[in-house]
C-alpha cells in the first residue's frame, strides 16, 4: 500500500498544469522531483510523504516549486505533520483547508540559501510575507522552533533543508 501511495503521490506531484504557473518550468530535477527522489530511497525514504501529498494537492505551491527561479524550502518530516494530526491518509483533505497555502508558503523563501547562508542570518522572509527567526544553541540550528536536521539537498531551482517541526505563521 505504501508503494502505491508513493507512486500516486509522485505522479500527482509531477503533473503540473501548464497554465498553473506564469513562469516556465524548472530544469530537472526541480525541488518537487528532488523531494520525491529523496523520499523514495536512502536515509529519508518515506519521511516526507505528507509534505509531498500536501504540495501535490495545492496547485499554487506546486506551481511555485516546479517553476524556473530559485527557492529555499524548509521541509517538515511526516512526524512533524503527525503532531498536528495530518498524515498521508488525510493530507489531500488537509490541502484543501483554508490557510494551508499560507502555511506551506511559510516554509519557502525566495532565493537559493545553502546551509552556510541560512546559519549566518538571523531571519528569512518567506513567500507568505512573514519572517522566520534563525537561531542556534551549541549543537544545532533552528528556524523558529524547528530544528534543521538535514541541509543542502540541491535541486535545479533551489535547495531543501529538512526540519523537525511544522512552521506556523502568525495570524
N, C-alpha and C. Protein backbone atom coordinates (compact mmCIF):
# COMPACT_ATOMS: atom_id res chain seq x y z
N UNK A 1 0.82 -1.19 0.00
CA UNK A 1 0.00 0.00 0.00
C UNK A 1 0.86 1.26 0.00
N UNK A 2 1.95 1.23 0.78
CA UNK A 2 2.84 2.39 0.88
C UNK A 2 3.46 2.72 -0.47
N UNK A 3 3.90 1.65 -1.21
CA UNK A 3 4.49 1.88 -2.53
C UNK A 3 3.45 2.47 -3.48
N UNK A 4 2.20 2.02 -3.37
CA UNK A 4 1.14 2.56 -4.20
C UNK A 4 0.94 4.04 -3.90
N UNK A 5 0.89 4.40 -2.61
CA UNK A 5 0.74 5.80 -2.22
C UNK A 5 1.90 6.63 -2.75
N UNK A 6 3.11 6.11 -2.63
CA UNK A 6 4.28 6.84 -3.15
C UNK A 6 4.18 7.03 -4.66
N UNK A 7 3.75 6.01 -5.37
CA UNK A 7 3.64 6.13 -6.83
C UNK A 7 2.59 7.16 -7.21
N UNK A 8 1.43 7.12 -6.56
CA UNK A 8 0.38 8.08 -6.85
C UNK A 8 0.85 9.49 -6.50
N UNK A 9 1.48 9.63 -5.34
CA UNK A 9 1.96 10.95 -4.91
C UNK A 9 3.00 11.48 -5.88
N UNK A 10 3.91 10.63 -6.32
CA UNK A 10 4.96 11.07 -7.25
C UNK A 10 4.35 11.53 -8.56
N UNK A 11 3.40 10.78 -9.08
CA UNK A 11 2.75 11.18 -10.33
C UNK A 11 2.00 12.49 -10.16
N UNK A 12 1.25 12.62 -9.07
CA UNK A 12 0.50 13.86 -8.83
C UNK A 12 1.44 15.04 -8.65
N UNK A 13 2.54 14.81 -7.97
CA UNK A 13 3.48 15.90 -7.72
C UNK A 13 4.14 16.41 -8.99
N UNK A 14 4.29 15.55 -9.96
CA UNK A 14 4.98 15.95 -11.18
C UNK A 14 4.03 16.44 -12.27
N UNK A 15 2.75 16.28 -12.07
CA UNK A 15 1.77 16.66 -13.08
C UNK A 15 1.26 18.07 -12.82
N UNK A 16 1.98 19.06 -13.28
CA UNK A 16 1.61 20.45 -13.09
C UNK A 16 0.97 20.97 -14.36
N UNK A 17 -0.24 21.47 -14.26
CA UNK A 17 -0.86 22.03 -15.46
C UNK A 17 -0.04 23.21 -15.98
N UNK A 18 0.12 23.31 -17.29
CA UNK A 18 0.93 24.36 -17.89
C UNK A 18 0.42 25.74 -17.54
N UNK A 19 -0.88 25.91 -17.41
CA UNK A 19 -1.45 27.22 -17.12
C UNK A 19 -1.34 27.60 -15.65
N UNK A 20 -0.91 26.67 -14.78
CA UNK A 20 -0.87 26.94 -13.35
C UNK A 20 0.22 27.94 -12.97
N UNK A 21 1.24 28.09 -13.77
CA UNK A 21 2.35 28.94 -13.43
C UNK A 21 2.63 29.93 -14.55
N UNK A 22 2.99 31.15 -14.14
CA UNK A 22 3.32 32.17 -15.13
C UNK A 22 4.75 32.01 -15.64
N UNK A 23 5.57 31.31 -14.91
CA UNK A 23 6.97 31.10 -15.29
C UNK A 23 7.14 29.76 -15.98
N UNK A 24 8.18 29.64 -16.79
CA UNK A 24 8.45 28.33 -17.41
C UNK A 24 8.89 27.32 -16.35
N UNK A 25 8.76 26.04 -16.66
CA UNK A 25 9.16 25.02 -15.69
C UNK A 25 10.67 25.04 -15.45
N UNK A 26 11.03 24.60 -14.26
CA UNK A 26 12.44 24.49 -13.91
C UNK A 26 13.06 23.33 -14.67
N UNK A 27 14.37 23.40 -14.85
CA UNK A 27 15.09 22.26 -15.40
C UNK A 27 14.98 21.11 -14.40
N UNK A 28 15.15 19.90 -14.86
CA UNK A 28 15.09 18.74 -13.97
C UNK A 28 16.42 18.54 -13.29
N UNK A 29 16.43 18.08 -12.07
CA UNK A 29 15.28 17.83 -11.23
C UNK A 29 14.88 19.10 -10.45
N UNK A 30 13.58 19.39 -10.46
CA UNK A 30 13.05 20.52 -9.71
C UNK A 30 13.02 20.17 -8.22
N UNK A 31 12.64 21.12 -7.39
CA UNK A 31 12.52 20.86 -5.95
C UNK A 31 11.54 19.71 -5.72
N UNK A 32 10.42 19.72 -6.42
CA UNK A 32 9.42 18.66 -6.23
C UNK A 32 10.00 17.31 -6.65
N UNK A 33 10.64 17.24 -7.81
CA UNK A 33 11.23 15.98 -8.26
C UNK A 33 12.31 15.51 -7.29
N UNK A 34 13.11 16.43 -6.77
CA UNK A 34 14.15 16.09 -5.81
C UNK A 34 13.54 15.56 -4.52
N UNK A 35 12.48 16.21 -4.04
CA UNK A 35 11.81 15.75 -2.82
C UNK A 35 11.25 14.34 -2.99
N UNK A 36 10.65 14.07 -4.13
CA UNK A 36 10.12 12.73 -4.40
C UNK A 36 11.26 11.71 -4.42
N UNK A 37 12.38 12.05 -5.02
CA UNK A 37 13.52 11.13 -5.08
C UNK A 37 14.09 10.87 -3.69
N UNK A 38 14.26 11.91 -2.89
CA UNK A 38 14.79 11.75 -1.52
C UNK A 38 13.83 10.90 -0.70
N UNK A 39 12.54 11.08 -0.91
CA UNK A 39 11.52 10.35 -0.17
C UNK A 39 11.42 8.89 -0.63
N UNK A 40 11.95 8.58 -1.80
CA UNK A 40 11.84 7.23 -2.36
C UNK A 40 12.91 6.26 -1.90
N UNK A 41 14.10 6.78 -1.58
CA UNK A 41 15.18 5.88 -1.16
C UNK A 41 16.20 6.64 -0.32
N UNK A 42 17.02 5.88 0.37
CA UNK A 42 18.08 6.47 1.18
C UNK A 42 17.64 6.73 2.62
N UNK A 43 18.41 7.55 3.29
CA UNK A 43 18.21 7.81 4.72
C UNK A 43 16.84 8.40 5.05
N UNK A 44 16.26 9.14 4.12
CA UNK A 44 14.98 9.80 4.38
C UNK A 44 13.82 9.18 3.59
N UNK A 45 13.98 7.94 3.19
CA UNK A 45 12.90 7.25 2.45
C UNK A 45 11.63 7.22 3.29
N UNK A 46 10.54 7.69 2.72
CA UNK A 46 9.26 7.68 3.41
C UNK A 46 9.09 8.74 4.47
N UNK A 47 10.03 9.65 4.61
CA UNK A 47 9.96 10.67 5.67
C UNK A 47 9.18 11.91 5.28
N UNK A 48 8.84 12.05 3.98
CA UNK A 48 8.19 13.27 3.52
C UNK A 48 6.91 13.00 2.72
N UNK A 49 6.26 11.85 2.97
CA UNK A 49 5.01 11.52 2.27
C UNK A 49 3.97 12.62 2.45
N UNK A 50 3.80 13.10 3.67
CA UNK A 50 2.75 14.08 3.96
C UNK A 50 3.02 15.40 3.25
N UNK A 51 4.24 15.89 3.33
CA UNK A 51 4.56 17.16 2.66
C UNK A 51 4.36 17.03 1.16
N UNK A 52 4.82 15.95 0.56
CA UNK A 52 4.66 15.76 -0.88
C UNK A 52 3.18 15.72 -1.25
N UNK A 53 2.38 15.04 -0.45
CA UNK A 53 0.94 14.98 -0.70
C UNK A 53 0.30 16.36 -0.59
N UNK A 54 0.65 17.13 0.43
CA UNK A 54 0.10 18.48 0.60
C UNK A 54 0.45 19.37 -0.59
N UNK A 55 1.70 19.32 -1.01
CA UNK A 55 2.14 20.14 -2.15
C UNK A 55 1.45 19.67 -3.43
N UNK A 56 1.38 18.37 -3.63
CA UNK A 56 0.75 17.83 -4.84
C UNK A 56 -0.72 18.22 -4.95
N UNK A 57 -1.36 18.44 -3.81
CA UNK A 57 -2.78 18.81 -3.80
C UNK A 57 -3.01 20.30 -3.59
N UNK A 58 -1.96 21.10 -3.74
CA UNK A 58 -2.08 22.55 -3.62
C UNK A 58 -1.50 23.17 -4.89
N UNK A 59 -2.33 23.49 -5.88
CA UNK A 59 -1.82 23.96 -7.18
C UNK A 59 -0.91 25.19 -7.10
N UNK A 60 -1.18 26.11 -6.21
CA UNK A 60 -0.36 27.33 -6.12
C UNK A 60 1.06 27.00 -5.66
N UNK A 61 1.18 26.19 -4.64
CA UNK A 61 2.51 25.85 -4.11
C UNK A 61 3.22 24.91 -5.08
N UNK A 62 2.49 23.95 -5.65
CA UNK A 62 3.08 23.03 -6.62
C UNK A 62 3.65 23.80 -7.81
N UNK A 63 2.91 24.77 -8.31
CA UNK A 63 3.39 25.58 -9.44
C UNK A 63 4.66 26.33 -9.08
N UNK A 64 4.69 26.92 -7.90
CA UNK A 64 5.87 27.67 -7.46
C UNK A 64 7.10 26.77 -7.39
N UNK A 65 6.97 25.60 -6.80
CA UNK A 65 8.13 24.73 -6.58
C UNK A 65 8.57 23.96 -7.82
N UNK A 66 7.83 24.07 -8.91
CA UNK A 66 8.24 23.42 -10.14
C UNK A 66 8.61 24.42 -11.22
N UNK A 67 8.52 25.71 -10.91
CA UNK A 67 8.83 26.73 -11.92
C UNK A 67 10.29 27.15 -11.87
N UNK A 68 10.70 27.82 -12.94
CA UNK A 68 12.05 28.36 -13.02
C UNK A 68 12.19 29.47 -11.99
N UNK A 69 13.33 29.56 -11.38
CA UNK A 69 13.61 30.51 -10.31
C UNK A 69 14.42 29.78 -9.26
N UNK A 70 14.68 30.42 -8.15
CA UNK A 70 15.43 29.78 -7.07
C UNK A 70 14.67 29.95 -5.77
N UNK A 71 14.53 28.84 -5.03
CA UNK A 71 13.79 28.84 -3.78
C UNK A 71 14.52 28.01 -2.74
N UNK A 72 14.27 28.34 -1.48
CA UNK A 72 14.76 27.56 -0.36
C UNK A 72 13.53 27.00 0.35
N UNK A 73 13.51 25.68 0.54
CA UNK A 73 12.39 25.02 1.19
C UNK A 73 12.86 24.42 2.51
N UNK A 74 12.11 24.72 3.58
CA UNK A 74 12.32 24.07 4.87
C UNK A 74 11.23 23.01 4.96
N UNK A 75 11.61 21.75 4.79
CA UNK A 75 10.68 20.64 4.62
C UNK A 75 10.43 19.89 5.92
N UNK A 76 9.23 20.01 6.48
CA UNK A 76 8.91 19.25 7.70
C UNK A 76 8.76 17.76 7.40
N UNK A 77 9.16 16.95 8.33
CA UNK A 77 9.03 15.49 8.19
C UNK A 77 7.59 15.06 8.46
N UNK A 78 7.31 13.80 8.14
CA UNK A 78 6.00 13.23 8.43
C UNK A 78 5.69 13.30 9.93
N UNK A 79 6.69 13.04 10.77
CA UNK A 79 6.49 13.11 12.22
C UNK A 79 6.04 14.51 12.65
N UNK A 80 6.59 15.54 12.02
CA UNK A 80 6.20 16.91 12.35
C UNK A 80 4.73 17.15 12.02
N UNK A 81 4.30 16.71 10.84
CA UNK A 81 2.89 16.86 10.46
C UNK A 81 1.98 16.00 11.34
N UNK A 82 2.44 14.82 11.72
CA UNK A 82 1.63 13.93 12.56
C UNK A 82 1.30 14.58 13.90
N UNK A 83 2.21 15.39 14.43
CA UNK A 83 1.93 16.10 15.69
C UNK A 83 0.78 17.09 15.53
N UNK A 84 0.46 17.46 14.28
CA UNK A 84 -0.68 18.34 14.02
C UNK A 84 -1.91 17.54 13.56
N UNK A 85 -1.79 16.21 13.54
CA UNK A 85 -2.90 15.36 13.14
C UNK A 85 -3.02 15.17 11.64
N UNK A 86 -1.98 15.50 10.89
CA UNK A 86 -2.01 15.35 9.43
C UNK A 86 -1.04 14.25 9.03
N UNK A 87 -1.54 13.31 8.22
CA UNK A 87 -0.69 12.24 7.72
C UNK A 87 -1.11 11.90 6.29
N UNK A 88 -0.50 10.87 5.72
CA UNK A 88 -0.78 10.55 4.32
C UNK A 88 -2.22 10.10 4.10
N UNK A 89 -2.94 9.71 5.15
CA UNK A 89 -4.34 9.29 4.98
C UNK A 89 -5.30 10.47 4.87
N UNK A 90 -4.93 11.64 5.38
CA UNK A 90 -5.84 12.78 5.35
C UNK A 90 -5.23 14.04 4.73
N UNK A 91 -4.06 13.91 4.11
CA UNK A 91 -3.36 15.10 3.60
C UNK A 91 -4.09 15.74 2.42
N UNK A 92 -4.75 14.97 1.58
CA UNK A 92 -5.47 15.57 0.45
C UNK A 92 -6.60 16.46 0.95
N UNK A 93 -7.29 16.01 1.98
CA UNK A 93 -8.34 16.82 2.60
C UNK A 93 -7.72 18.04 3.28
N UNK A 94 -6.62 17.83 4.00
CA UNK A 94 -5.95 18.94 4.69
C UNK A 94 -5.46 19.99 3.70
N UNK A 95 -5.04 19.56 2.51
CA UNK A 95 -4.53 20.50 1.50
C UNK A 95 -5.60 21.48 1.06
N UNK A 96 -6.86 21.09 1.16
CA UNK A 96 -7.97 21.95 0.75
C UNK A 96 -8.46 22.86 1.88
N UNK A 97 -7.89 22.72 3.07
CA UNK A 97 -8.30 23.52 4.21
C UNK A 97 -7.86 24.97 4.03
N UNK A 98 -8.75 25.92 4.37
CA UNK A 98 -8.34 27.33 4.28
C UNK A 98 -7.09 27.58 5.12
N UNK A 99 -6.18 28.32 4.56
CA UNK A 99 -4.95 28.66 5.27
C UNK A 99 -3.77 27.75 5.00
N UNK A 100 -4.01 26.59 4.38
CA UNK A 100 -2.90 25.66 4.16
C UNK A 100 -1.87 26.25 3.19
N UNK A 101 -2.30 27.01 2.20
CA UNK A 101 -1.35 27.63 1.28
C UNK A 101 -0.42 28.56 2.04
N UNK A 102 -0.97 29.34 2.97
CA UNK A 102 -0.16 30.25 3.79
C UNK A 102 0.86 29.46 4.62
N UNK A 103 0.43 28.34 5.20
CA UNK A 103 1.35 27.51 5.99
C UNK A 103 2.45 26.94 5.10
N UNK A 104 2.09 26.40 3.94
CA UNK A 104 3.10 25.83 3.04
C UNK A 104 4.07 26.90 2.55
N UNK A 105 3.56 28.08 2.19
CA UNK A 105 4.44 29.16 1.72
C UNK A 105 5.32 29.72 2.83
N UNK A 106 4.94 29.48 4.08
CA UNK A 106 5.78 29.89 5.22
C UNK A 106 6.99 28.96 5.37
N UNK A 107 7.07 27.94 4.54
CA UNK A 107 8.21 27.04 4.51
C UNK A 107 9.11 27.27 3.30
N UNK A 108 8.80 28.29 2.49
CA UNK A 108 9.53 28.55 1.25
C UNK A 108 10.01 29.99 1.23
N UNK A 109 11.28 30.19 0.90
CA UNK A 109 11.85 31.53 0.75
C UNK A 109 12.37 31.70 -0.68
N UNK A 110 12.31 32.91 -1.16
CA UNK A 110 12.86 33.21 -2.48
C UNK A 110 14.39 33.19 -2.37
N UNK A 111 15.03 32.64 -3.37
CA UNK A 111 16.49 32.57 -3.39
C UNK A 111 17.00 31.22 -2.93
N UNK A 112 18.18 30.91 -3.39
CA UNK A 112 18.83 29.63 -3.06
C UNK A 112 19.76 29.89 -1.87
N UNK A 113 19.34 29.44 -0.69
CA UNK A 113 20.13 29.64 0.53
C UNK A 113 20.64 28.30 1.03
N UNK A 114 21.94 28.09 0.83
CA UNK A 114 22.51 26.85 1.35
C UNK A 114 22.68 26.98 2.86
N UNK A 115 23.17 25.92 3.51
CA UNK A 115 23.30 25.91 4.96
C UNK A 115 24.15 27.07 5.46
N UNK A 116 25.23 27.38 4.76
CA UNK A 116 26.09 28.48 5.19
C UNK A 116 25.35 29.81 5.17
N UNK A 117 24.50 30.02 4.17
CA UNK A 117 23.70 31.24 4.11
C UNK A 117 22.66 31.29 5.22
N UNK A 118 21.99 30.17 5.46
CA UNK A 118 20.94 30.13 6.48
C UNK A 118 21.53 30.37 7.87
N UNK A 119 22.65 29.73 8.16
CA UNK A 119 23.21 29.80 9.51
C UNK A 119 23.92 31.11 9.82
N UNK A 120 24.09 31.96 8.83
CA UNK A 120 24.75 33.25 9.07
C UNK A 120 23.77 34.42 9.02
N UNK A 121 22.49 34.13 9.09
CA UNK A 121 21.48 35.18 9.11
C UNK A 121 20.62 35.02 10.35
N UNK A 122 19.90 36.05 10.72
CA UNK A 122 19.03 35.96 11.90
C UNK A 122 17.56 35.81 11.54
N UNK A 123 17.21 36.14 10.30
CA UNK A 123 15.82 35.96 9.88
C UNK A 123 15.75 35.82 8.37
N UNK A 124 14.65 35.19 7.92
CA UNK A 124 14.44 34.99 6.49
C UNK A 124 12.98 35.32 6.18
N UNK A 125 12.77 36.12 5.13
CA UNK A 125 11.40 36.41 4.69
C UNK A 125 10.93 35.24 3.84
N UNK A 126 9.76 34.72 4.19
CA UNK A 126 9.19 33.58 3.50
C UNK A 126 8.20 34.08 2.44
N UNK A 127 7.79 33.19 1.54
CA UNK A 127 6.91 33.59 0.44
C UNK A 127 5.53 34.05 0.90
N UNK A 128 5.12 33.75 2.12
CA UNK A 128 3.84 34.25 2.61
C UNK A 128 3.99 35.68 3.15
N UNK A 129 5.20 36.25 3.09
CA UNK A 129 5.45 37.62 3.52
C UNK A 129 5.95 37.76 4.95
N UNK A 130 5.86 36.70 5.74
CA UNK A 130 6.31 36.77 7.13
C UNK A 130 7.76 36.32 7.25
N UNK A 131 8.37 36.68 8.37
CA UNK A 131 9.76 36.32 8.64
C UNK A 131 9.85 35.12 9.58
N UNK A 132 10.86 34.29 9.37
CA UNK A 132 11.23 33.26 10.33
C UNK A 132 12.48 33.75 11.04
N UNK A 133 12.69 33.25 12.24
CA UNK A 133 13.86 33.59 13.02
C UNK A 133 14.84 32.42 12.99
N UNK A 134 16.10 32.70 12.73
CA UNK A 134 17.14 31.67 12.72
C UNK A 134 17.92 31.80 14.02
N UNK A 135 18.11 30.68 14.71
CA UNK A 135 18.84 30.71 15.98
C UNK A 135 19.69 29.45 16.09
N UNK A 136 20.54 29.45 17.10
CA UNK A 136 21.41 28.30 17.34
C UNK A 136 21.61 28.09 18.83
N UNK A 137 21.88 26.86 19.21
CA UNK A 137 22.42 26.58 20.52
C UNK A 137 23.79 25.97 20.25
N UNK A 138 24.39 25.36 21.19
CA UNK A 138 25.76 24.88 20.96
C UNK A 138 25.83 23.69 20.01
N UNK A 139 24.70 23.05 19.70
CA UNK A 139 24.75 21.85 18.88
C UNK A 139 23.87 21.86 17.64
N UNK A 140 22.96 22.83 17.50
CA UNK A 140 22.02 22.76 16.39
C UNK A 140 21.56 24.15 15.95
N UNK A 141 20.98 24.21 14.75
CA UNK A 141 20.38 25.43 14.23
C UNK A 141 18.88 25.24 14.14
N UNK A 142 18.14 26.33 14.29
CA UNK A 142 16.69 26.30 14.32
C UNK A 142 16.10 27.37 13.41
N UNK A 143 14.97 27.05 12.81
CA UNK A 143 14.12 28.01 12.11
C UNK A 143 12.88 28.09 12.99
N UNK A 144 12.68 29.24 13.63
CA UNK A 144 11.65 29.36 14.67
C UNK A 144 11.88 28.24 15.67
N UNK A 145 10.89 27.37 15.90
CA UNK A 145 11.06 26.28 16.88
C UNK A 145 11.44 24.95 16.22
N UNK A 146 11.74 24.96 14.94
CA UNK A 146 12.05 23.73 14.22
C UNK A 146 13.56 23.56 14.06
N UNK A 147 14.06 22.42 14.48
CA UNK A 147 15.48 22.13 14.31
C UNK A 147 15.75 21.72 12.87
N UNK A 148 16.82 22.25 12.32
CA UNK A 148 17.25 21.84 10.98
C UNK A 148 17.98 20.52 11.14
N UNK A 149 17.45 19.46 10.50
CA UNK A 149 18.01 18.12 10.70
C UNK A 149 18.77 17.59 9.49
N UNK A 150 18.60 18.21 8.34
CA UNK A 150 19.37 17.85 7.13
C UNK A 150 19.45 19.11 6.28
N UNK A 151 20.59 19.28 5.63
CA UNK A 151 20.79 20.50 4.85
C UNK A 151 21.28 20.20 3.44
N UNK A 152 21.16 21.22 2.62
CA UNK A 152 21.78 21.24 1.30
C UNK A 152 21.40 20.07 0.39
N UNK A 153 20.11 19.87 0.23
CA UNK A 153 19.61 18.92 -0.75
C UNK A 153 19.27 19.77 -1.98
N UNK A 154 20.16 19.78 -2.95
CA UNK A 154 20.08 20.72 -4.06
C UNK A 154 19.20 20.21 -5.20
N UNK A 155 18.49 21.15 -5.81
CA UNK A 155 17.66 20.90 -6.98
C UNK A 155 17.99 21.98 -8.00
N UNK A 156 17.48 21.82 -9.21
CA UNK A 156 17.78 22.81 -10.24
C UNK A 156 17.23 24.19 -9.91
N UNK A 157 16.13 24.23 -9.17
CA UNK A 157 15.51 25.52 -8.84
C UNK A 157 15.56 25.85 -7.36
N UNK A 158 16.55 25.32 -6.65
CA UNK A 158 16.71 25.70 -5.25
C UNK A 158 17.34 24.64 -4.40
N UNK A 159 17.03 24.73 -3.12
CA UNK A 159 17.64 23.84 -2.13
C UNK A 159 16.60 23.51 -1.06
N UNK A 160 16.72 22.29 -0.51
CA UNK A 160 15.82 21.82 0.53
C UNK A 160 16.64 21.58 1.80
N UNK A 161 16.06 22.02 2.93
CA UNK A 161 16.59 21.70 4.26
C UNK A 161 15.45 21.02 5.02
N UNK A 162 15.71 19.88 5.64
CA UNK A 162 14.68 19.18 6.40
C UNK A 162 14.62 19.74 7.82
N UNK A 163 13.39 19.85 8.35
CA UNK A 163 13.18 20.35 9.71
C UNK A 163 12.26 19.40 10.47
N UNK A 164 12.31 19.47 11.80
CA UNK A 164 11.56 18.51 12.61
C UNK A 164 10.23 19.03 13.16
N UNK A 165 9.80 20.22 12.76
CA UNK A 165 8.51 20.78 13.17
C UNK A 165 7.91 21.54 12.01
N UNK A 166 6.59 21.66 12.02
CA UNK A 166 5.89 22.47 11.02
C UNK A 166 5.94 23.91 11.50
N UNK A 167 6.31 24.81 10.61
CA UNK A 167 6.32 26.24 10.92
C UNK A 167 4.91 26.78 10.76
N UNK A 168 4.42 27.47 11.78
CA UNK A 168 3.07 28.03 11.72
C UNK A 168 3.17 29.55 11.71
N UNK A 169 2.67 30.17 10.65
CA UNK A 169 2.73 31.64 10.56
C UNK A 169 1.88 32.29 11.64
N UNK A 170 2.27 33.48 12.04
CA UNK A 170 1.45 34.23 12.99
C UNK A 170 0.24 34.78 12.27
N UNK A 171 -0.81 34.99 13.02
CA UNK A 171 -2.05 35.42 12.39
C UNK A 171 -2.20 36.92 12.37
